[in-house]
C-alpha atoms as a PDB file:
ATOM      1  CA  UNK A   1       0.000   0.000   0.000  1.00  0.00           C
ATOM      2  CA  UNK A   2       2.832   2.402   0.820  1.00  0.00           C
ATOM      3  CA  UNK A   3       5.946   3.808  -0.773  1.00  0.00           C
ATOM      4  CA  UNK A   4       9.310   5.228   0.198  1.00  0.00           C
ATOM      5  CA  UNK A   5       9.525   9.033   0.201  1.00  0.00           C
ATOM      6  CA  UNK A   6      12.239  11.626   0.685  1.00  0.00           C
ATOM      7  CA  UNK A   7      11.665  14.591   3.012  1.00  0.00           C
ATOM      8  CA  UNK A   8      13.659  17.801   3.399  1.00  0.00           C
ATOM      9  CA  UNK A   9      14.075  19.375   6.827  1.00  0.00           C
ATOM     10  CA  UNK A  10      14.481  23.089   7.539  1.00  0.00           C
ATOM     11  CA  UNK A  11      18.274  22.704   7.682  1.00  0.00           C
ATOM     12  CA  UNK A  12      18.176  21.088   4.174  1.00  0.00           C
ATOM     13  CA  UNK A  13      18.939  17.616   5.515  1.00  0.00           C
ATOM     14  CA  UNK A  14      17.201  14.990   3.385  1.00  0.00           C
ATOM     15  CA  UNK A  15      15.736  11.997   5.156  1.00  0.00           C
ATOM     16  CA  UNK A  16      13.712   9.025   4.091  1.00  0.00           C
ATOM     17  CA  UNK A  17      10.283   7.935   5.150  1.00  0.00           C
ATOM     18  CA  UNK A  18       7.309   5.741   4.373  1.00  0.00           C
ATOM     19  CA  UNK A  19       3.965   7.006   3.104  1.00  0.00           C
ATOM     20  CA  UNK A  20       0.657   5.168   2.748  1.00  0.00           C
ATOM     21  CA  UNK A  21      -2.333   6.712   0.979  1.00  0.00           C
ATOM     22  CA  UNK A  22      -5.986   5.733   1.368  1.00  0.00           C
ATOM     23  CA  UNK A  23      -8.005   4.328  -1.505  1.00  0.00           C
ATOM     24  CA  UNK A  24     -10.389   7.283  -1.595  1.00  0.00           C
ATOM     25  CA  UNK A  25     -10.418  10.943  -0.693  1.00  0.00           C
ATOM     26  CA  UNK A  26      -8.304  11.364   2.475  1.00  0.00           C
ATOM     27  CA  UNK A  27      -9.905  12.646   5.674  1.00  0.00           C
ATOM     28  CA  UNK A  28      -6.590  14.202   6.677  1.00  0.00           C
ATOM     29  CA  UNK A  29      -3.092  13.024   7.466  1.00  0.00           C
ATOM     30  CA  UNK A  30      -1.274  11.266  10.307  1.00  0.00           C
ATOM     31  CA  UNK A  31       2.440  11.579  11.017  1.00  0.00           C
ATOM     32  CA  UNK A  32       3.571   8.294  12.581  1.00  0.00           C
ATOM     33  CA  UNK A  33       6.671   8.482  14.760  1.00  0.00           C
ATOM     34  CA  UNK A  34       8.804   5.400  15.222  1.00  0.00           C
ATOM     35  CA  UNK A  35      10.057   3.489  18.219  1.00  0.00           C
ATOM     36  CA  UNK A  36      13.832   3.088  18.496  1.00  0.00           C
ATOM     37  CA  UNK A  37      13.666   0.392  15.806  1.00  0.00           C
ATOM     38  CA  UNK A  38      13.395   2.723  12.846  1.00  0.00           C
ATOM     39  CA  UNK A  39      10.709   2.740  10.176  1.00  0.00           C
ATOM     40  CA  UNK A  40      10.456  -1.031  10.327  1.00  0.00           C
ATOM     41  CA  UNK A  41       7.725  -3.449   9.304  1.00  0.00           C
ATOM     42  CA  UNK A  42       5.571  -2.616  12.329  1.00  0.00           C
ATOM     43  CA  UNK A  43       5.690   1.131  11.686  1.00  0.00           C
ATOM     44  CA  UNK A  44       4.935   0.575   8.004  1.00  0.00           C
ATOM     45  CA  UNK A  45       1.964  -1.589   8.994  1.00  0.00           C
ATOM     46  CA  UNK A  46       0.792   1.143  11.356  1.00  0.00           C
ATOM     47  CA  UNK A  47       0.859   3.590   8.445  1.00  0.00           C
ATOM     48  CA  UNK A  48      -1.048   1.127   6.284  1.00  0.00           C
ATOM     49  CA  UNK A  49      -3.662   0.751   9.033  1.00  0.00           C
ATOM     50  CA  UNK A  50      -4.177   4.521   9.230  1.00  0.00           C
ATOM     51  CA  UNK A  51      -4.493   4.618   5.443  1.00  0.00           C
ATOM     52  CA  UNK A  52      -7.197   1.969   5.704  1.00  0.00           C
ATOM     53  CA  UNK A  53      -8.987   4.330   8.114  1.00  0.00           C
ATOM     54  CA  UNK A  54      -8.942   7.028   5.434  1.00  0.00           C
ATOM     55  CA  UNK A  55      -5.820   9.037   6.286  1.00  0.00           C
ATOM     56  CA  UNK A  56      -2.604   9.692   4.461  1.00  0.00           C
ATOM     57  CA  UNK A  57       0.025   8.334   6.865  1.00  0.00           C
ATOM     58  CA  UNK A  58       3.689   9.247   6.782  1.00  0.00           C
ATOM     59  CA  UNK A  59       6.554   8.012   8.973  1.00  0.00           C
ATOM     60  CA  UNK A  60       9.823   9.994   8.830  1.00  0.00           C
ATOM     61  CA  UNK A  61      13.025   8.004   9.302  1.00  0.00           C
ATOM     62  CA  UNK A  62      14.323   9.877  12.324  1.00  0.00           C
ATOM     63  CA  UNK A  63      17.603   7.987  12.590  1.00  0.00           C
ATOM     64  CA  UNK A  64      18.724   8.846   9.043  1.00  0.00           C
ATOM     65  CA  UNK A  65      21.045  11.540  10.402  1.00  0.00           C
ATOM     66  CA  UNK A  66      22.984   8.797  12.197  1.00  0.00           C
ATOM     67  CA  UNK A  67      22.453   5.785   9.931  1.00  0.00           C
ATOM     68  CA  UNK A  68      20.487   5.831   6.701  1.00  0.00           C
ATOM     69  CA  UNK A  69      17.627   3.367   6.338  1.00  0.00           C
ATOM     70  CA  UNK A  70      18.095   1.822   9.772  1.00  0.00           C
ATOM     71  CA  UNK A  71      15.424  -0.638  10.774  1.00  0.00           C
ATOM     72  CA  UNK A  72      15.487  -3.381  13.341  1.00  0.00           C
ATOM     73  CA  UNK A  73      13.704  -6.337  14.826  1.00  0.00           C
ATOM     74  CA  UNK A  74      13.338  -7.054  18.536  1.00  0.00           C
ATOM     75  CA  UNK A  75      15.905  -9.647  19.551  1.00  0.00           C
ATOM     76  CA  UNK A  76      18.013  -8.723  22.606  1.00  0.00           C
ATOM     77  CA  UNK A  77      20.955  -7.979  20.316  1.00  0.00           C
ATOM     78  CA  UNK A  78      18.843  -5.770  18.060  1.00  0.00           C
ATOM     79  CA  UNK A  79      17.370  -3.929  21.051  1.00  0.00           C
ATOM     80  CA  UNK A  80      20.861  -3.242  22.375  1.00  0.00           C
ATOM     81  CA  UNK A  81      21.938  -1.894  18.990  1.00  0.00           C
ATOM     82  CA  UNK A  82      18.820   0.271  18.654  1.00  0.00           C
ATOM     83  CA  UNK A  83      19.333   1.784  22.098  1.00  0.00           C
ATOM     84  CA  UNK A  84      22.584   3.327  20.887  1.00  0.00           C
ATOM     85  CA  UNK A  85      20.572   5.771  18.779  1.00  0.00           C
ATOM     86  CA  UNK A  86      19.060   7.344  21.888  1.00  0.00           C
ATOM     87  CA  UNK A  87      22.088   7.254  24.189  1.00  0.00           C
ATOM     88  CA  UNK A  88      22.334  11.010  23.650  1.00  0.00           C
ATOM     89  CA  UNK A  89      19.205  11.913  21.691  1.00  0.00           C
ATOM     90  CA  UNK A  90      19.185  15.048  19.550  1.00  0.00           C
ATOM     91  CA  UNK A  91      15.579  16.016  20.170  1.00  0.00           C
ATOM     92  CA  UNK A  92      15.946  19.233  18.174  1.00  0.00           C
ATOM     93  CA  UNK A  93      16.952  17.227  15.105  1.00  0.00           C
ATOM     94  CA  UNK A  94      14.143  14.715  15.661  1.00  0.00           C
ATOM     95  CA  UNK A  95      11.685  17.599  15.805  1.00  0.00           C
ATOM     96  CA  UNK A  96      13.085  19.227  12.659  1.00  0.00           C
ATOM     97  CA  UNK A  97      12.605  15.980  10.811  1.00  0.00           C
ATOM     98  CA  UNK A  98       9.124  15.545  12.275  1.00  0.00           C
ATOM     99  CA  UNK A  99       8.220  19.046  11.076  1.00  0.00           C
ATOM    100  CA  UNK A 100       9.412  18.043   7.595  1.00  0.00           C
ATOM    101  CA  UNK A 101       6.872  15.202   7.625  1.00  0.00           C
ATOM    102  CA  UNK A 102       4.100  17.531   8.818  1.00  0.00           C
ATOM    103  CA  UNK A 103       4.932  19.985   6.063  1.00  0.00           C
ATOM    104  CA  UNK A 104       4.896  17.198   3.468  1.00  0.00           C
ATOM    105  CA  UNK A 105       1.229  16.373   4.151  1.00  0.00           C
ATOM    106  CA  UNK A 106      -0.249  19.640   5.418  1.00  0.00           C
ATOM    107  CA  UNK A 107      -1.821  20.400   2.054  1.00  0.00           C
ATOM    108  CA  UNK A 108      -3.954  17.254   2.335  1.00  0.00           C
ATOM    109  CA  UNK A 109      -6.063  18.437   5.242  1.00  0.00           C
ATOM    110  CA  UNK A 110      -5.870  18.462   9.040  1.00  0.00           C
ATOM    111  CA  UNK A 111      -2.774  16.701  10.381  1.00  0.00           C
ATOM    112  CA  UNK A 112      -2.396  14.615  13.519  1.00  0.00           C
ATOM    113  CA  UNK A 113       0.623  12.874  14.995  1.00  0.00           C
ATOM    114  CA  UNK A 114       0.846   9.459  16.662  1.00  0.00           C
ATOM    115  CA  UNK A 115       4.086   8.188  18.205  1.00  0.00           C
ATOM    116  CA  UNK A 116       5.268   5.084  20.038  1.00  0.00           C
ATOM    117  CA  UNK A 117       7.980   4.779  22.719  1.00  0.00           C
ATOM    118  CA  UNK A 118      10.599   7.335  21.583  1.00  0.00           C
ATOM    119  CA  UNK A 119       7.909   8.508  19.190  1.00  0.00           C
ATOM    120  CA  UNK A 120       5.459   8.982  22.043  1.00  0.00           C
ATOM    121  CA  UNK A 121       7.793  11.516  23.617  1.00  0.00           C
ATOM    122  CA  UNK A 122       8.349  13.198  20.245  1.00  0.00           C
ATOM    123  CA  UNK A 123       4.595  13.359  19.632  1.00  0.00           C
ATOM    124  CA  UNK A 124       4.158  15.183  22.942  1.00  0.00           C
ATOM    125  CA  UNK A 125       6.956  17.632  22.129  1.00  0.00           C
ATOM    126  CA  UNK A 126       5.522  18.131  18.654  1.00  0.00           C
ATOM    127  CA  UNK A 127       2.262  19.160  20.331  1.00  0.00           C
ATOM    128  CA  UNK A 128       4.105  21.757  22.409  1.00  0.00           C
ATOM    129  CA  UNK A 129       6.664  23.057  19.902  1.00  0.00           C
ATOM    130  CA  UNK A 130       5.777  22.348  16.278  1.00  0.00           C
ATOM    131  CA  UNK A 131       3.328  23.903  13.859  1.00  0.00           C
ATOM    132  CA  UNK A 132       0.636  22.544  11.578  1.00  0.00           C
ATOM    133  CA  UNK A 133      -0.866  19.891  13.857  1.00  0.00           C
ATOM    134  CA  UNK A 134      -4.442  19.500  15.088  1.00  0.00           C
ATOM    135  CA  UNK A 135      -4.052  16.562  17.507  1.00  0.00           C
ATOM    136  CA  UNK A 136      -1.332  14.434  19.095  1.00  0.00           C
ATOM    137  CA  UNK A 137      -1.332  10.915  20.535  1.00  0.00           C
ATOM    138  CA  UNK A 138       1.619   9.423  22.409  1.00  0.00           C
ATOM    139  CA  UNK A 139       2.050   5.805  23.414  1.00  0.00           C
ATOM    140  CA  UNK A 140       4.376   5.019  26.359  1.00  0.00           C
ATOM    141  CA  UNK A 141       6.691   7.973  25.876  1.00  0.00           C
ATOM    142  CA  UNK A 142       9.383   7.667  28.518  1.00  0.00           C
ATOM    143  CA  UNK A 143      10.628  11.254  28.313  1.00  0.00           C
ATOM    144  CA  UNK A 144       7.251  12.994  28.577  1.00  0.00           C
ATOM    145  CA  UNK A 145       7.494  13.540  32.337  1.00  0.00           C
ATOM    146  CA  UNK A 146      10.778  15.379  31.765  1.00  0.00           C
ATOM    147  CA  UNK A 147       9.001  17.825  29.457  1.00  0.00           C
ATOM    148  CA  UNK A 148       5.679  18.008  31.319  1.00  0.00           C
ATOM    149  CA  UNK A 149       6.109  21.700  32.124  1.00  0.00           C
ATOM    150  CA  UNK A 150       5.530  22.403  28.426  1.00  0.00           C
ATOM    151  CA  UNK A 151       1.892  22.951  27.459  1.00  0.00           C
ATOM    152  CA  UNK A 152       0.542  21.403  24.257  1.00  0.00           C
ATOM    153  CA  UNK A 153      -0.886  23.853  21.750  1.00  0.00           C
ATOM    154  CA  UNK A 154      -3.333  21.217  20.506  1.00  0.00           C
ATOM    155  CA  UNK A 155      -5.472  18.441  22.012  1.00  0.00           C
ATOM    156  CA  UNK A 156      -3.283  15.589  23.229  1.00  0.00           C
ATOM    157  CA  UNK A 157      -3.883  12.024  24.383  1.00  0.00           C
ATOM    158  CA  UNK A 158      -1.371   9.722  26.106  1.00  0.00           C
ATOM    159  CA  UNK A 159      -1.394   5.955  26.671  1.00  0.00           C
ATOM    160  CA  UNK A 160       0.675   4.132  29.314  1.00  0.00           C
ATOM    161  CA  UNK A 161       0.946   0.572  30.612  1.00  0.00           C
ATOM    162  CA  UNK A 162       0.653   0.203  34.363  1.00  0.00           C
ATOM    163  CA  UNK A 163       3.320  -2.515  34.493  1.00  0.00           C
ATOM    164  CA  UNK A 164       5.815  -0.701  32.250  1.00  0.00           C
ATOM    165  CA  UNK A 165       9.199  -1.043  34.009  1.00  0.00           C
ATOM    166  CA  UNK A 166      10.637   1.936  32.125  1.00  0.00           C
ATOM    167  CA  UNK A 167       7.882   4.458  32.979  1.00  0.00           C
ATOM    168  CA  UNK A 168       6.845   4.692  36.613  1.00  0.00           C
ATOM    169  CA  UNK A 169       3.322   5.516  37.671  1.00  0.00           C
ATOM    170  CA  UNK A 170       4.887   8.375  39.619  1.00  0.00           C
ATOM    171  CA  UNK A 171       5.981   9.831  36.280  1.00  0.00           C
ATOM    172  CA  UNK A 172       2.469   9.394  34.900  1.00  0.00           C
ATOM    173  CA  UNK A 173       1.050  11.202  37.941  1.00  0.00           C
ATOM    174  CA  UNK A 174       3.554  14.004  37.400  1.00  0.00           C
ATOM    175  CA  UNK A 175       2.221  14.415  33.879  1.00  0.00           C
ATOM    176  CA  UNK A 176      -1.386  14.295  35.118  1.00  0.00           C
ATOM    177  CA  UNK A 177      -0.709  16.964  37.712  1.00  0.00           C
ATOM    178  CA  UNK A 178       1.207  19.284  35.422  1.00  0.00           C
ATOM    179  CA  UNK A 179      -0.912  18.741  32.332  1.00  0.00           C
ATOM    180  CA  UNK A 180      -4.542  18.292  33.444  1.00  0.00           C
ATOM    181  CA  UNK A 181      -5.705  19.284  29.956  1.00  0.00           C
ATOM    182  CA  UNK A 182      -4.095  16.176  28.449  1.00  0.00           C
ATOM    183  CA  UNK A 183      -6.245  13.034  28.198  1.00  0.00           C
ATOM    184  CA  UNK A 184      -4.288  10.196  29.841  1.00  0.00           C
ATOM    185  CA  UNK A 185      -5.158   6.492  29.841  1.00  0.00           C
ATOM    186  CA  UNK A 186      -3.385   3.802  31.876  1.00  0.00           C
ATOM    187  CA  UNK A 187      -3.900   0.111  31.056  1.00  0.00           C
ATOM    188  CA  UNK A 188      -3.710  -2.084  34.149  1.00  0.00           C
ATOM    189  CA  UNK A 189      -2.427  -5.293  32.584  1.00  0.00           C
ATOM    190  CA  UNK A 190      -0.155  -3.717  29.988  1.00  0.00           C
ATOM    191  CA  UNK A 191       3.573  -3.084  29.945  1.00  0.00           C
ATOM    192  CA  UNK A 192       5.870  -1.184  27.630  1.00  0.00           C
ATOM    193  CA  UNK A 193       5.154  -1.536  23.894  1.00  0.00           C
ATOM    194  CA  UNK A 194       1.778  -3.126  24.639  1.00  0.00           C
ATOM    195  CA  UNK A 195       0.408  -1.880  21.311  1.00  0.00           C
ATOM    196  CA  UNK A 196       3.103  -3.442  19.109  1.00  0.00           C
ATOM    197  CA  UNK A 197       1.804  -6.791  17.856  1.00  0.00           C
ATOM    198  CA  UNK A 198       5.326  -7.866  16.842  1.00  0.00           C
ATOM    199  CA  UNK A 199       6.823  -7.561  20.311  1.00  0.00           C
ATOM    200  CA  UNK A 200       6.601  -9.948  23.286  1.00  0.00           C
ATOM    201  CA  UNK A 201       4.883  -7.345  25.462  1.00  0.00           C
ATOM    202  CA  UNK A 202       1.926  -7.031  23.093  1.00  0.00           C
ATOM    203  CA  UNK A 203      -1.313  -6.987  25.089  1.00  0.00           C
ATOM    204  CA  UNK A 204      -4.173  -7.360  22.651  1.00  0.00           C
ATOM    205  CA  UNK A 205      -7.070  -6.200  24.884  1.00  0.00           C
ATOM    206  CA  UNK A 206      -5.255  -3.008  25.895  1.00  0.00           C
ATOM    207  CA  UNK A 207      -4.051  -2.386  22.350  1.00  0.00           C
ATOM    208  CA  UNK A 208      -7.589  -2.723  21.022  1.00  0.00           C
ATOM    209  CA  UNK A 209      -9.021  -0.260  23.542  1.00  0.00           C
ATOM    210  CA  UNK A 210      -6.174   2.207  22.995  1.00  0.00           C
ATOM    211  CA  UNK A 211      -6.612   1.900  19.242  1.00  0.00           C
ATOM    212  CA  UNK A 212     -10.327   2.655  19.460  1.00  0.00           C
ATOM    213  CA  UNK A 213      -9.688   5.649  21.701  1.00  0.00           C
ATOM    214  CA  UNK A 214      -6.996   6.926  19.355  1.00  0.00           C
ATOM    215  CA  UNK A 215      -9.211   6.550  16.297  1.00  0.00           C
ATOM    216  CA  UNK A 216     -12.093   8.397  17.975  1.00  0.00           C
ATOM    217  CA  UNK A 217      -9.778  11.154  19.213  1.00  0.00           C
ATOM    218  CA  UNK A 218      -8.318  11.695  15.753  1.00  0.00           C
ATOM    219  CA  UNK A 219     -11.741  11.610  14.094  1.00  0.00           C
ATOM    220  CA  UNK A 220     -12.961  14.258  16.540  1.00  0.00           C
ATOM    221  CA  UNK A 221     -10.068  16.666  16.084  1.00  0.00           C
ATOM    222  CA  UNK A 222      -9.070  16.164  12.453  1.00  0.00           C
ATOM    223  CA  UNK A 223     -12.105  17.796  10.918  1.00  0.00           C
END
C-alpha cells in the first residue's frame, strides 16, 4: 500500500520515510513516529492501518542523520543496537525531521501525529513546539514527564501501561498533575510496547481499547 519518500528538513537535511495513501479521498493526514527500531515493518503496517482508516500516513526516518535506512527487529541484540541511537538523543533534530513530515502532508487536510515509545515523547513535544498539527497521541513515551512543564498547543492524548518497568506511575502522575488538559489512559495489565503486535509485550485487549480511543480522538479533532 505504501511507498518510500524523501523529506527535506528546515536545515536542508534529506531523510527518508514511508507514506501510505488511502483508496479514496483522504480525511486528513497522520504523522507516525517510530520506536527506536526505525521505520520497520511494524511502523509501516501502522501507516497502512491509518491509510485503511482514510488518512494519508507518513513516517519519517528519524535515525537517518545517524544511519540511513536503519530498521530493526526485537531480539536482545537488536534492542541493544537500537538503544545506541538514543544514548544522547538530539531532540531538536528529531523535531526538525518531524516538522518536515508535517509539512509534506499539510496540504492534504488536518494533520495529527501518533508516536510510540521514543515517538510517544516526540509526539508530545511536537504538540508543544511544532506547527501545523491538530491533535497528538503518544504511546508510552518515557521522556514525557521530563518535558511536562511544556503545554501542548493542541489536544493531546497519552497511553501508558501500568506494568511498564521503564515508565513509573509516579511519572504518569507528574504528567497528570502538570498537564490536566491532556487526556491520559493507563492500562492495568499492559507493559511497555503493549500496542506493538510484533513484540513480546503485546497486550491485545489493551491495544484494542487504545486503538479505538486513538481513532475516535483523531476523528474528533481532524475535521
